[in-house]
Amino acid sequence: MANTNKLKKVLILVSILAVPGFLYYLLTAHGKNRYKPLPFYGPKVLSGTSHKFHGKLIPDTTYHTVGDFKLTDQQGRQVTLKSIGPKILVVNFFYTNGPKTVNTVSASMDSLVYHFGQNKLITFASITVDPERDSAPILKKYAEQYKRSADKWLFLTGDTSVIYPLAHTGFMVDALQTGKNEFAVSNKIIMLDADHHIRGYYQGTSPDDITRMVDELKVQITEELRKGEKPLY
């Protein structure tokens, strides 16, 4: 079984490297290809510990992580980071009655789900900023237009006391109610790694940013595979 899983990881890695756009993210050092990891976003603090690298003592850094949450998906199921598991998580904030820009971001999410629909290391989540209107049944109806798996692309609702702090202090994006049935919501799509660190922000209304995100998701998939400790299933 261990050899089978190792082979699967190698095959996935080879398929990633076969994509021309991904080559931009390869660095060459002493004749060997090395991956340039994506940056970490958010506050960083020294942990007080250190490690050695090439004989030098390097201080360890603690990076910002998104805290766990408890929300409900379009199927009425409770969802937490723990239930999602150790996966790359791609998130946006939206509302079903939103303007054209909100729908454009949802279309970009749909494109990403299309690209990575078969990859078991990635889960997608769209979180409503209008939970009073966007109940699970409303989200289910909204999701049906995209015809994607409810396990692959979660549409989440809950309480504003959870959603707004999650957006502001967790994902560090805008999400607030500005008037009756009016909301200010970020157009950004956010990528978390399997340890819940923020590794990328992308404008969901920008085709160029979505193209870049496709490549950077491949970079992050490679990083997760190279850790050697994250299960594929």
Protein backbone atom coordinates (compact mmCIF):
# COMPACT_ATOMS: atom_id res chain seq x y z
CA MET A 1 0.00 0.00 0.00
CA ALA A 2 2.84 2.40 0.85
CA ASN A 3 4.49 1.75 -2.52
CA THR A 4 1.16 2.30 -4.29
CA ASN A 5 0.65 5.68 -2.59
CA LYS A 6 4.23 6.65 -3.41
CA LEU A 7 3.69 5.77 -7.07
CA LYS A 8 0.49 7.84 -7.15
CA LYS A 9 2.37 10.84 -5.77
CA VAL A 10 5.12 10.45 -8.37
CA LEU A 11 2.58 10.22 -11.21
CA ILE A 12 0.75 13.33 -9.98
CA LEU A 13 4.04 15.20 -9.69
CA VAL A 14 5.07 14.20 -13.21
CA SER A 15 1.71 15.33 -14.60
CA ILE A 16 2.13 18.70 -12.89
CA LEU A 17 5.62 19.19 -14.28
CA ALA A 18 4.36 18.38 -17.77
CA VAL A 19 2.32 21.59 -17.84
CA PRO A 20 4.34 24.38 -19.54
CA GLY A 21 2.92 27.20 -17.39
CA PHE A 22 4.24 25.50 -14.29
CA LEU A 23 7.86 25.74 -15.51
CA TYR A 24 7.89 29.42 -14.55
CA TYR A 25 7.89 28.35 -10.92
CA LEU A 26 10.95 26.09 -11.17
CA LEU A 27 14.35 27.28 -10.05
CA THR A 28 17.60 25.67 -11.15
CA ALA A 29 20.39 25.24 -8.63
CA HIS A 30 23.50 23.11 -9.29
CA GLY A 31 21.75 21.41 -12.19
CA LYS A 32 18.74 20.38 -10.12
CA ASN A 33 15.16 21.62 -10.34
CA ARG A 34 13.91 23.10 -7.10
CA TYR A 35 10.46 24.47 -6.35
CA LYS A 36 10.05 28.08 -5.37
CA PRO A 37 7.42 27.91 -2.61
CA LEU A 38 4.57 30.39 -2.46
CA PRO A 39 4.74 33.18 0.15
CA PHE A 40 2.92 33.17 3.48
CA TYR A 41 0.46 36.02 4.06
CA GLY A 42 -0.56 37.62 7.33
CA PRO A 43 1.26 38.41 10.58
CA LYS A 44 4.46 36.51 11.25
CA VAL A 45 6.18 36.09 14.63
CA LEU A 46 9.34 34.36 15.78
CA SER A 47 8.42 31.19 17.66
CA GLY A 48 11.46 31.26 19.96
CA THR A 49 12.84 28.05 18.44
CA SER A 50 15.33 27.54 15.63
CA HIS A 51 16.73 24.94 13.24
CA LYS A 52 20.00 24.38 11.45
CA PHE A 53 20.38 24.79 7.69
CA HIS A 54 23.80 24.24 6.11
CA GLY A 55 25.35 24.65 9.53
CA LYS A 56 23.61 27.96 10.24
CA LEU A 57 21.06 28.48 13.00
CA ILE A 58 17.80 29.76 11.48
CA PRO A 59 15.05 31.23 13.73
CA ASP A 60 11.69 29.48 13.29
CA THR A 61 8.74 31.62 12.21
CA THR A 62 5.11 31.11 13.17
CA TYR A 63 2.80 32.12 10.33
CA HIS A 64 -0.78 33.34 10.47
CA THR A 65 -3.34 30.55 10.28
CA VAL A 66 -7.08 30.64 9.71
CA GLY A 67 -8.86 29.36 12.80
CA ASP A 68 -11.45 26.62 12.74
CA PHE A 69 -15.09 27.47 12.10
CA LYS A 70 -18.47 25.78 12.15
CA LEU A 71 -20.75 26.48 9.18
CA THR A 72 -23.46 24.66 7.21
CA ASP A 73 -23.19 23.63 3.55
CA GLN A 74 -25.83 23.50 0.79
CA GLN A 75 -26.71 19.95 1.81
CA GLY A 76 -27.42 21.00 5.39
CA ARG A 77 -24.25 19.33 6.66
CA GLN A 78 -22.04 20.86 9.34
CA VAL A 79 -18.63 21.84 7.98
CA THR A 80 -15.42 22.64 9.87
CA LEU A 81 -11.78 22.81 8.86
CA LYS A 82 -11.35 19.52 10.69
CA SER A 83 -14.11 17.87 8.65
CA ILE A 84 -12.57 19.18 5.41
CA GLY A 85 -9.30 17.57 6.42
CA PRO A 86 -5.67 18.34 5.53
CA LYS A 87 -6.34 19.77 2.07
CA ILE A 88 -5.64 22.89 0.09
CA LEU A 89 -8.72 25.08 0.55
CA VAL A 90 -9.78 27.68 -2.03
CA VAL A 91 -12.26 30.21 -0.62
CA ASN A 92 -14.28 33.22 -1.68
CA PHE A 93 -16.99 35.29 0.02
CA PHE A 94 -20.17 36.09 -1.89
CA TYR A 95 -23.97 36.28 -1.67
CA THR A 96 -26.52 34.78 -4.02
CA ASN A 97 -28.33 38.08 -4.62
CA GLY A 98 -25.08 39.90 -5.36
CA PRO A 99 -24.20 42.17 -8.29
CA LYS A 100 -22.48 41.14 -11.52
CA THR A 101 -19.00 41.27 -9.99
CA VAL A 102 -20.00 38.70 -7.37
CA ASN A 103 -21.30 36.39 -10.10
CA THR A 104 -18.06 36.90 -12.03
CA VAL A 105 -16.08 35.67 -9.02
CA SER A 106 -18.39 32.65 -8.75
CA ALA A 107 -17.75 31.93 -12.44
CA SER A 108 -14.01 32.08 -11.75
CA MET A 109 -14.44 29.62 -8.88
CA ASP A 110 -16.36 27.36 -11.27
CA SER A 111 -13.43 27.51 -13.70
CA LEU A 112 -11.02 26.50 -10.94
CA VAL A 113 -13.26 23.63 -9.86
CA TYR A 114 -13.30 22.50 -13.49
CA HIS A 115 -9.50 22.51 -13.63
CA PHE A 116 -9.02 20.67 -10.34
CA GLY A 117 -12.24 18.69 -10.04
CA GLN A 118 -10.42 15.36 -9.99
CA ASN A 119 -7.68 16.40 -7.59
CA LYS A 120 -8.39 15.03 -4.12
CA LEU A 121 -5.94 17.41 -2.44
CA ILE A 122 -8.15 20.47 -3.07
CA THR A 123 -11.55 21.57 -1.76
CA PHE A 124 -13.42 24.75 -2.73
CA ALA A 125 -15.73 26.82 -0.51
CA SER A 126 -17.91 29.87 -1.16
CA ILE A 127 -19.10 31.54 2.05
CA THR A 128 -22.16 33.80 2.00
CA VAL A 129 -22.06 37.19 3.70
CA ASP A 130 -25.89 37.26 3.69
CA PRO A 131 -26.78 34.21 5.81
CA GLU A 132 -30.16 35.67 6.77
CA ARG A 133 -31.29 35.18 3.17
CA ASP A 134 -28.87 32.51 2.00
CA SER A 135 -30.12 29.44 3.86
CA ALA A 136 -28.90 25.96 2.91
CA PRO A 137 -31.82 25.42 0.46
CA ILE A 138 -31.12 28.78 -1.25
CA LEU A 139 -27.44 27.88 -1.55
CA LYS A 140 -28.31 24.46 -2.94
CA LYS A 141 -30.47 26.05 -5.65
CA TYR A 142 -27.72 28.56 -6.45
CA ALA A 143 -25.10 25.79 -6.65
CA GLU A 144 -27.18 23.71 -9.06
CA GLN A 145 -26.44 26.07 -11.94
CA TYR A 146 -22.76 25.04 -11.83
CA LYS A 147 -23.40 21.28 -11.75
CA ARG A 148 -20.37 20.56 -9.54
CA SER A 149 -20.02 18.00 -6.78
CA ALA A 150 -21.36 19.21 -3.43
CA ASP A 151 -18.36 17.53 -1.81
CA LYS A 152 -15.88 19.35 -4.04
CA TRP A 153 -17.43 22.83 -3.95
CA LEU A 154 -19.05 23.78 -0.66
CA PHE A 155 -21.48 26.69 -0.40
CA LEU A 156 -21.50 27.70 3.24
CA THR A 157 -23.85 29.66 5.49
CA GLY A 158 -24.04 30.27 9.23
CA ASP A 159 -24.24 33.18 11.63
CA THR A 160 -22.78 36.61 10.94
CA SER A 161 -21.04 36.40 14.34
CA VAL A 162 -18.96 33.61 12.80
CA ILE A 163 -18.76 34.66 9.14
CA TYR A 164 -17.69 38.29 9.49
CA PRO A 165 -14.86 37.71 12.00
CA LEU A 166 -13.76 34.75 9.89
CA ALA A 167 -13.49 37.02 6.86
CA HIS A 168 -11.82 39.93 8.70
CA THR A 169 -9.37 38.26 11.07
CA GLY A 170 -9.06 34.82 9.48
CA PHE A 171 -8.92 35.39 5.72
CA MET A 172 -8.23 39.14 6.11
CA VAL A 173 -10.72 40.32 3.47
CA ASP A 174 -13.72 42.67 3.49
CA ALA A 175 -17.18 41.38 4.34
CA LEU A 176 -19.86 43.53 5.93
CA GLN A 177 -23.44 44.68 5.58
CA THR A 178 -23.73 48.29 4.40
CA GLY A 179 -27.52 48.62 4.24
CA LYS A 180 -30.74 46.70 3.78
CA ASN A 181 -29.88 43.85 1.40
CA GLU A 182 -26.60 45.59 0.60
CA PHE A 183 -23.17 44.14 1.33
CA ALA A 184 -19.53 45.01 0.75
CA VAL A 185 -17.66 41.85 -0.11
CA SER A 186 -14.15 41.25 -1.38
CA ASN A 187 -13.68 40.01 -4.94
CA LYS A 188 -10.60 38.06 -3.88
CA ILE A 189 -10.20 34.31 -3.97
CA ILE A 190 -7.94 32.98 -1.22
CA MET A 191 -5.78 29.87 -1.17
CA LEU A 192 -4.98 28.08 2.10
CA ASP A 193 -2.44 25.31 2.35
CA ALA A 194 -3.18 22.08 4.19
CA ASP A 195 -1.96 23.67 7.45
CA HIS A 196 -4.43 26.58 7.03
CA HIS A 197 -1.82 29.21 6.17
CA ILE A 198 -2.80 31.81 3.56
CA ARG A 199 -0.62 31.22 0.50
CA GLY A 200 -2.29 33.38 -2.14
CA TYR A 201 -4.77 36.15 -2.94
CA TYR A 202 -6.27 36.49 -6.42
CA GLN A 203 -8.75 38.93 -7.94
CA GLY A 204 -11.70 36.77 -8.92
CA THR A 205 -12.69 39.25 -11.64
CA SER A 206 -9.28 39.10 -13.35
CA PRO A 207 -8.69 36.36 -15.98
CA ASP A 208 -4.93 36.92 -15.61
CA ASP A 209 -5.12 36.34 -11.86
CA ILE A 210 -7.13 33.17 -12.35
CA THR A 211 -4.56 31.89 -14.85
CA ARG A 212 -1.84 32.65 -12.32
CA MET A 213 -3.84 30.90 -9.62
CA VAL A 214 -4.10 27.74 -11.71
CA ASP A 215 -0.30 27.64 -11.90
CA GLU A 216 0.17 28.47 -8.23
CA LEU A 217 -2.28 25.79 -7.16
CA LYS A 218 -0.04 23.32 -8.98
CA VAL A 219 2.92 24.71 -7.04
CA GLN A 220 1.04 24.20 -3.77
CA ILE A 221 -0.03 20.68 -4.75
CA THR A 222 3.64 19.90 -5.30
CA GLU A 223 4.55 21.32 -1.89
CA GLU A 224 1.89 19.23 -0.16
CA LEU A 225 3.07 16.08 -1.95
CA ARG A 226 6.69 16.76 -1.05
CA LYS A 227 5.81 16.99 2.63
CA GLY A 228 5.28 13.25 2.44
CA GLU A 229 2.80 13.26 5.31
CA LYS A 230 -0.46 14.39 3.75
CA PRO A 231 -2.77 11.59 2.53
CA LEU A 232 -4.05 11.70 -1.04
CA TYR A 233 -7.52 10.49 0.00
